[in-house]
Every structure is written in structure tokens, then in C-alpha cells.
């Protein structure tokens, strides 16, 4: 089976498994892990995901020969899922078809034409220090990713019922956001007001995994790889 077909099979199965019947699973929007300590490397933990949410990501990582990047010591990885790759190839296809309606961009295209770009661009998802939930603030703080560009990570209260808020509970849930910046922020910025073209805020769907090599947060399935627009 071609890799361009594998991704759609994986995502079809993942969509079924991520239905409401799987509420008890650790991968849930806005959730954190009850037991954050994972006795595996970050790569192995992603590979062990029972829903296969990172199979295509790790396929590209292996093809690009950057497994060691995933397993760097002392960094935080804000990992995109295979849904982000699916969105990326679909948008690339739409862009190509404006020129040639018969063109299509696939995972095979990434492997054939842009593995060096993939390897380099993945650096935008790594912060140069460990950032478990307890190290993050509601106001957000500016950090540097591995491309030495500024990003913001925050751990904010939410009043969104889809993210666990219940007006009958005195406990206000908190969720992690990863904000990719296109422009520098002014002092005293309000993290929840950041929007394009200044930056793009991405919800973390599962946070605070502490692997043997670093901290892992998983970005929402609605994210598009490399913030491609």
C-alpha cells in the first residue's frame, strides 16, 4: 500500500476510535495525563499510541533520519498529529490545483521532494527547555524554539464546556496553548488576544507527558502542519 493511502486509512480508524465512546482514553481535547511520568523516550511513546495518531509523523521522521531530534534531552515537543499532516497535504493540493487541476500533493510528495524542509521545519515545535504544566502561567511567557524564534506557551483557565468546564463545579479547568508568532509581541501582551497576522494560538489536546527525554504536549487535531496557509 502506498504511503499516501496509509495516512487516510490511519485517520479513518483514528476518527472512529476518537468518538465519544473513547472518553476514558488519555487523548482528549484539553486534557492532561493523570500520571505524567512515562518510562519511554518521546519517540517510543508517540509510536506506542494505540490509535496510531503519530504513525505518519514518525514515518516522515524516520525517512528524514531525525529520530534523535525527537529524543533530545531537556526540550519540550509540541507534537502535531497525523491530522495536521492530512490538512497540510490537502491545502498543498488545493494550491497546486489552482495551476493544474490534475495535480495532487501527498505524503509520498513530502518524502520525494521536501524531506530536508520537513526536518528543518519541525524545529518550530520544539522549545529549548522542559515545560511541564506546572512551569507554565495563565498569562503566557515567551520562549525560543529550536529555530531561535519566539513562541508563547500558556496554561489558561477555560470556560468552554467542550473543554471540561462545568458551571456547577467550583473547579475551573485549565488547558495549554502553544502560540506560534509571526511578529514580535509588545510588553504586557494579552495572550488570549493574539491572532493572525501576529500569531496563531493552538490548543494542546493532551499535555504534560514527562518522558525519559523531555516534555511532550500534543497539539489539537485541527492544527495544520507548519501552520501552512
Protein backbone atom coordinates (compact mmCIF):
# COMPACT_ATOMS: atom_id res chain seq x y z
CA UNK A 1 0.00 0.00 0.00
CA UNK A 2 1.37 3.47 -0.90
CA UNK A 3 2.11 5.82 1.99
CA UNK A 4 -0.37 8.33 0.59
CA UNK A 5 -3.10 5.73 1.12
CA UNK A 6 -1.80 4.63 4.52
CA UNK A 7 -2.43 8.03 6.09
CA UNK A 8 -6.11 8.05 5.12
CA UNK A 9 -6.62 4.55 6.47
CA UNK A 10 -4.94 5.55 9.74
CA UNK A 11 -7.02 8.70 10.07
CA UNK A 12 -10.24 6.85 9.29
CA UNK A 13 -9.56 4.35 12.05
CA UNK A 14 -8.44 7.14 14.41
CA UNK A 15 -11.64 9.09 13.81
CA UNK A 16 -13.69 6.05 14.80
CA UNK A 17 -11.63 5.40 17.91
CA UNK A 18 -11.74 9.04 18.97
CA UNK A 19 -15.53 9.06 19.04
CA UNK A 20 -17.37 9.74 22.36
CA UNK A 21 -17.18 6.05 23.21
CA UNK A 22 -13.48 6.59 23.95
CA UNK A 23 -13.83 9.31 26.58
CA UNK A 24 -11.70 7.38 29.05
CA UNK A 25 -8.67 7.47 26.78
CA UNK A 26 -5.85 9.84 27.70
CA UNK A 27 -6.01 11.61 24.33
CA UNK A 28 -8.83 14.06 24.80
CA UNK A 29 -9.14 17.71 23.88
CA UNK A 30 -7.80 19.94 26.62
CA UNK A 31 -6.76 17.04 28.83
CA UNK A 32 -3.63 16.32 30.78
CA UNK A 33 -2.27 12.97 31.84
CA UNK A 34 -3.21 11.78 35.32
CA UNK A 35 0.14 10.03 35.52
CA UNK A 36 2.55 12.25 33.58
CA UNK A 37 5.64 10.09 34.10
CA UNK A 38 6.28 7.94 31.04
CA UNK A 39 9.07 5.37 31.21
CA UNK A 40 9.83 5.65 27.50
CA UNK A 41 11.60 8.02 25.16
CA UNK A 42 9.40 10.60 23.46
CA UNK A 43 9.73 8.77 20.14
CA UNK A 44 8.73 5.42 21.62
CA UNK A 45 5.80 6.97 23.47
CA UNK A 46 4.47 8.51 20.26
CA UNK A 47 4.99 5.20 18.48
CA UNK A 48 3.08 3.31 21.18
CA UNK A 49 -0.09 5.39 20.79
CA UNK A 50 -2.86 2.83 20.42
CA UNK A 51 -4.79 5.00 17.97
CA UNK A 52 -1.86 5.43 15.61
CA UNK A 53 -2.16 9.23 15.81
CA UNK A 54 1.53 9.71 15.03
CA UNK A 55 2.23 6.91 12.56
CA UNK A 56 2.64 9.20 9.55
CA UNK A 57 4.59 11.77 11.56
CA UNK A 58 7.05 9.10 12.65
CA UNK A 59 7.21 7.67 9.12
CA UNK A 60 8.43 11.08 7.95
CA UNK A 61 10.76 11.38 10.95
CA UNK A 62 12.30 8.01 10.08
CA UNK A 63 12.61 8.86 6.37
CA UNK A 64 14.29 12.15 7.26
CA UNK A 65 16.61 10.44 9.76
CA UNK A 66 15.74 12.75 12.65
CA UNK A 67 14.69 10.34 15.39
CA UNK A 68 17.41 11.86 17.59
CA UNK A 69 15.69 15.23 17.27
CA UNK A 70 12.52 13.79 18.80
CA UNK A 71 14.56 12.29 21.62
CA UNK A 72 16.63 15.35 22.51
CA UNK A 73 17.22 15.73 26.22
CA UNK A 74 15.75 18.70 28.03
CA UNK A 75 13.37 20.03 25.39
CA UNK A 76 9.59 20.28 25.06
CA UNK A 77 7.96 18.90 21.94
CA UNK A 78 4.58 20.31 20.93
CA UNK A 79 3.77 17.39 18.67
CA UNK A 80 1.46 17.63 15.64
CA UNK A 81 -0.72 14.60 14.97
CA UNK A 82 -1.32 12.86 11.66
CA UNK A 83 -4.42 15.02 11.23
CA UNK A 84 -2.10 18.04 10.90
CA UNK A 85 -0.26 16.28 8.08
CA UNK A 86 -3.55 15.40 6.39
CA UNK A 87 -4.62 19.06 6.49
CA UNK A 88 -1.24 20.11 5.13
CA UNK A 89 -1.32 17.80 2.10
CA UNK A 90 -4.92 18.80 1.35
CA UNK A 91 -4.04 22.50 1.37
CA UNK A 92 -0.94 21.89 -0.75
CA UNK A 93 -3.16 20.03 -3.22
CA UNK A 94 -5.61 22.94 -3.40
CA UNK A 95 -2.73 25.33 -4.07
CA UNK A 96 -1.33 23.10 -6.83
CA UNK A 97 -4.73 22.66 -8.45
CA UNK A 98 -5.07 26.40 -8.96
CA UNK A 99 -2.33 25.92 -11.55
CA UNK A 100 -3.03 22.38 -12.69
CA UNK A 101 -6.37 20.80 -11.68
CA UNK A 102 -4.89 17.33 -12.05
CA UNK A 103 -2.02 17.82 -9.61
CA UNK A 104 -2.09 16.31 -6.14
CA UNK A 105 0.21 16.61 -3.12
CA UNK A 106 0.54 13.56 -0.90
CA UNK A 107 2.69 12.12 1.87
CA UNK A 108 4.72 10.50 -0.92
CA UNK A 109 5.33 14.02 -2.28
CA UNK A 110 6.75 15.11 1.07
CA UNK A 111 9.07 12.09 1.07
CA UNK A 112 10.15 12.66 -2.53
CA UNK A 113 10.50 16.43 -2.64
CA UNK A 114 10.75 18.04 0.78
CA UNK A 115 12.23 15.81 3.46
CA UNK A 116 15.00 18.37 4.16
CA UNK A 117 12.32 21.04 4.59
CA UNK A 118 10.32 18.74 6.85
CA UNK A 119 13.38 18.02 9.01
CA UNK A 120 14.22 21.71 9.32
CA UNK A 121 10.68 22.99 9.81
CA UNK A 122 9.90 20.51 12.59
CA UNK A 123 12.15 22.69 14.77
CA UNK A 124 9.29 25.17 15.21
CA UNK A 125 7.60 22.66 17.53
CA UNK A 126 10.49 22.32 19.99
CA UNK A 127 11.12 24.69 22.90
CA UNK A 128 14.63 24.76 24.34
CA UNK A 129 13.63 23.79 27.87
CA UNK A 130 11.33 21.45 29.77
CA UNK A 131 7.88 22.97 30.13
CA UNK A 132 5.58 20.78 32.20
CA UNK A 133 2.21 22.30 33.06
CA UNK A 134 3.45 23.47 36.44
CA UNK A 135 6.09 25.66 34.74
CA UNK A 136 3.52 27.50 32.60
CA UNK A 137 1.46 30.55 33.54
CA UNK A 138 -2.02 31.74 32.60
CA UNK A 139 -0.55 34.97 31.21
CA UNK A 140 1.84 33.11 28.95
CA UNK A 141 5.56 33.54 28.57
CA UNK A 142 7.81 33.96 25.54
CA UNK A 143 10.24 31.13 24.80
CA UNK A 144 12.61 30.29 21.95
CA UNK A 145 12.06 27.32 19.67
CA UNK A 146 14.89 25.39 18.02
CA UNK A 147 14.87 27.84 15.11
CA UNK A 148 15.63 30.53 17.69
CA UNK A 149 12.26 32.18 17.01
CA UNK A 150 9.89 33.42 19.69
CA UNK A 151 6.82 31.38 20.67
CA UNK A 152 4.42 31.59 23.60
CA UNK A 153 3.27 28.78 25.86
CA UNK A 154 0.48 29.28 28.39
CA UNK A 155 -1.69 27.30 30.82
CA UNK A 156 -5.04 29.07 30.90
CA UNK A 157 -8.38 28.71 32.62
CA UNK A 158 -11.20 27.82 30.26
CA UNK A 159 -14.94 28.39 30.49
CA UNK A 160 -15.61 26.31 27.40
CA UNK A 161 -17.88 23.36 28.22
CA UNK A 162 -16.30 21.45 25.35
CA UNK A 163 -13.02 21.63 27.23
CA UNK A 164 -14.37 20.39 30.55
CA UNK A 165 -15.89 23.49 32.16
CA UNK A 166 -18.96 22.83 34.32
CA UNK A 167 -20.77 25.81 35.80
CA UNK A 168 -21.90 23.62 38.69
CA UNK A 169 -18.31 22.90 39.69
CA UNK A 170 -16.06 25.23 41.67
CA UNK A 171 -13.03 23.87 39.81
CA UNK A 172 -12.16 25.75 36.64
CA UNK A 173 -10.25 23.54 34.20
CA UNK A 174 -7.04 24.73 32.62
CA UNK A 175 -5.65 24.00 29.17
CA UNK A 176 -2.30 24.56 27.48
CA UNK A 177 -1.91 26.71 24.38
CA UNK A 178 1.08 26.91 22.06
CA UNK A 179 1.27 30.19 20.14
CA UNK A 180 3.39 30.45 17.02
CA UNK A 181 4.48 34.03 16.36
CA UNK A 182 4.95 35.83 13.05
CA UNK A 183 5.60 39.17 14.74
CA UNK A 184 7.22 40.31 17.97
CA UNK A 185 4.92 40.96 20.90
CA UNK A 186 4.73 44.21 22.83
CA UNK A 187 5.40 44.16 26.58
CA UNK A 188 2.25 43.39 28.56
CA UNK A 189 0.68 41.39 25.73
CA UNK A 190 -2.59 39.58 26.38
CA UNK A 191 -2.07 36.01 25.31
CA UNK A 192 -5.73 35.27 24.56
CA UNK A 193 -5.87 38.24 22.16
CA UNK A 194 -3.07 37.06 19.91
CA UNK A 195 -4.37 36.34 16.42
CA UNK A 196 -3.16 36.26 12.83
CA UNK A 197 -1.12 38.02 11.43
CA UNK A 198 0.67 38.44 14.79
CA UNK A 199 0.50 34.76 15.64
CA UNK A 200 -1.64 31.63 15.77
CA UNK A 201 -2.81 30.03 19.01
CA UNK A 202 -3.10 26.25 19.00
CA UNK A 203 -4.87 24.29 21.71
CA UNK A 204 -2.96 21.39 23.25
CA UNK A 205 -5.24 18.37 23.35
CA UNK A 206 -3.09 16.29 25.70
CA UNK A 207 -0.45 17.86 27.89
CA UNK A 208 2.24 17.23 30.46
CA UNK A 209 3.71 13.88 29.41
CA UNK A 210 7.11 13.53 31.05
CA UNK A 211 9.13 11.04 29.04
CA UNK A 212 12.67 9.84 29.64
CA UNK A 213 13.94 12.51 27.26
CA UNK A 214 11.75 15.56 27.83
CA UNK A 215 8.27 17.03 27.98
CA UNK A 216 5.59 16.25 25.42
CA UNK A 217 2.42 18.19 24.63
CA UNK A 218 0.14 17.06 21.77
CA UNK A 219 -1.41 19.73 19.56
CA UNK A 220 -5.09 19.70 18.63
CA UNK A 221 -6.11 17.64 15.62
CA UNK A 222 -7.37 20.86 14.00
CA UNK A 223 -3.79 22.12 13.62
CA UNK A 224 -2.19 22.24 10.16
CA UNK A 225 1.44 21.12 9.85
CA UNK A 226 3.91 24.03 9.84
CA UNK A 227 0.98 26.48 10.08
CA UNK A 228 0.67 26.26 6.30
CA UNK A 229 -1.88 28.72 4.96
